[in-house]
């Protein structure tokens, strides 16, 4: 969804990351495609409750959250499906490799 938004904003000469007005913020946004909103992600909580978040407007902040220790199955799924695994901690492209000890 984000690549499509950037492409359409660039085509109209609008800053793709920091729109200057509310009208510009709607360029490229899609709220209904074939009865579904492609900007949403629906999941079930551990209580079985269905939740939906907008992946363009909402950000899941996991810095300093030990997924390996606290959510092993989720971490394994994340690592197996992450498109740039070398950027993850311990990977060849991890920025921690550039830190002097």
Protein backbone atom coordinates (compact mmCIF):
# COMPACT_ATOMS: atom_id res chain seq x y z
CA UNK A 1 0.00 0.00 0.00
CA UNK A 2 2.78 2.46 0.86
CA UNK A 3 4.61 2.06 -2.46
CA UNK A 4 1.40 2.81 -4.35
CA UNK A 5 0.80 5.95 -2.27
CA UNK A 6 4.36 7.20 -2.88
CA UNK A 7 4.09 6.55 -6.61
CA UNK A 8 0.83 8.48 -6.95
CA UNK A 9 2.07 11.39 -4.81
CA UNK A 10 5.26 11.70 -6.85
CA UNK A 11 3.23 11.66 -10.08
CA UNK A 12 1.29 14.67 -8.79
CA UNK A 13 4.41 16.52 -7.61
CA UNK A 14 3.58 16.16 -3.90
CA UNK A 15 6.12 15.21 -1.23
CA UNK A 16 5.52 11.45 -0.86
CA UNK A 17 6.48 11.31 2.82
CA UNK A 18 5.38 14.62 4.33
CA UNK A 19 2.24 15.93 2.64
CA UNK A 20 1.69 19.62 3.25
CA UNK A 21 -2.08 19.48 3.56
CA UNK A 22 -4.87 17.10 4.51
CA UNK A 23 -5.92 16.98 0.86
CA UNK A 24 -2.38 15.88 -0.16
CA UNK A 25 -2.46 13.21 2.54
CA UNK A 26 -5.35 11.49 0.74
CA UNK A 27 -3.51 11.21 -2.62
CA UNK A 28 -2.97 7.55 -3.41
CA UNK A 29 -4.93 6.37 -0.40
CA UNK A 30 -7.42 3.64 -1.12
CA UNK A 31 -10.27 3.01 1.27
CA UNK A 32 -12.31 0.55 -0.75
CA UNK A 33 -11.17 -1.94 -3.37
CA UNK A 34 -13.69 -4.65 -4.16
CA UNK A 35 -15.39 -4.21 -0.80
CA UNK A 36 -12.15 -4.38 1.20
CA UNK A 37 -9.77 -1.77 2.52
CA UNK A 38 -6.23 -2.69 1.39
CA UNK A 39 -4.76 -0.44 4.07
CA UNK A 40 -6.09 -2.57 6.92
CA UNK A 41 -4.82 -5.67 8.62
CA UNK A 42 -7.27 -7.85 10.54
CA UNK A 43 -6.15 -10.29 13.22
CA UNK A 44 -7.46 -12.12 16.29
CA UNK A 45 -6.21 -11.35 19.79
CA UNK A 46 -5.35 -14.12 22.22
CA UNK A 47 -8.88 -13.66 23.60
CA UNK A 48 -10.33 -14.50 20.18
CA UNK A 49 -11.47 -10.91 19.59
CA UNK A 50 -11.15 -9.65 16.01
CA UNK A 51 -9.11 -6.44 15.67
CA UNK A 52 -8.40 -4.33 12.60
CA UNK A 53 -5.68 -1.71 12.26
CA UNK A 54 -4.85 0.67 9.42
CA UNK A 55 -1.27 -0.20 8.44
CA UNK A 56 -0.71 3.23 6.87
CA UNK A 57 -1.85 5.28 9.87
CA UNK A 58 -0.82 2.95 12.72
CA UNK A 59 2.71 1.86 13.58
CA UNK A 60 3.61 -1.11 15.77
CA UNK A 61 6.63 -0.10 17.84
CA UNK A 62 8.68 -3.10 18.97
CA UNK A 63 12.04 -1.57 19.81
CA UNK A 64 13.56 -3.17 22.91
CA UNK A 65 10.90 -5.90 22.89
CA UNK A 66 12.58 -9.28 23.23
CA UNK A 67 10.57 -11.30 20.70
CA UNK A 68 13.03 -14.21 20.86
CA UNK A 69 12.40 -14.66 24.57
CA UNK A 70 8.79 -13.50 24.92
CA UNK A 71 7.21 -14.62 21.61
CA UNK A 72 9.32 -17.43 20.11
CA UNK A 73 6.73 -18.65 17.53
CA UNK A 74 6.04 -15.08 16.37
CA UNK A 75 9.78 -14.35 16.12
CA UNK A 76 10.38 -17.50 14.06
CA UNK A 77 7.57 -16.55 11.68
CA UNK A 78 8.89 -12.97 11.47
CA UNK A 79 12.45 -14.09 10.64
CA UNK A 80 11.27 -16.63 8.07
CA UNK A 81 9.12 -14.06 6.25
CA UNK A 82 11.16 -10.86 6.63
CA UNK A 83 12.31 -9.65 3.21
CA UNK A 84 15.72 -8.40 4.41
CA UNK A 85 16.84 -10.93 7.05
CA UNK A 86 20.46 -9.76 6.88
CA UNK A 87 19.34 -6.45 8.43
CA UNK A 88 18.02 -8.15 11.56
CA UNK A 89 20.18 -8.27 14.70
CA UNK A 90 23.14 -10.56 14.10
CA UNK A 91 22.76 -10.42 10.31
CA UNK A 92 25.55 -9.39 7.93
CA UNK A 93 23.92 -5.98 7.28
CA UNK A 94 23.01 -5.29 10.93
CA UNK A 95 24.18 -1.80 11.92
CA UNK A 96 25.55 -3.19 15.18
CA UNK A 97 28.39 -4.67 13.09
CA UNK A 98 29.66 -1.11 12.59
CA UNK A 99 29.81 -0.28 16.30
CA UNK A 100 33.32 -0.10 17.73
CA UNK A 101 33.86 -2.17 20.84
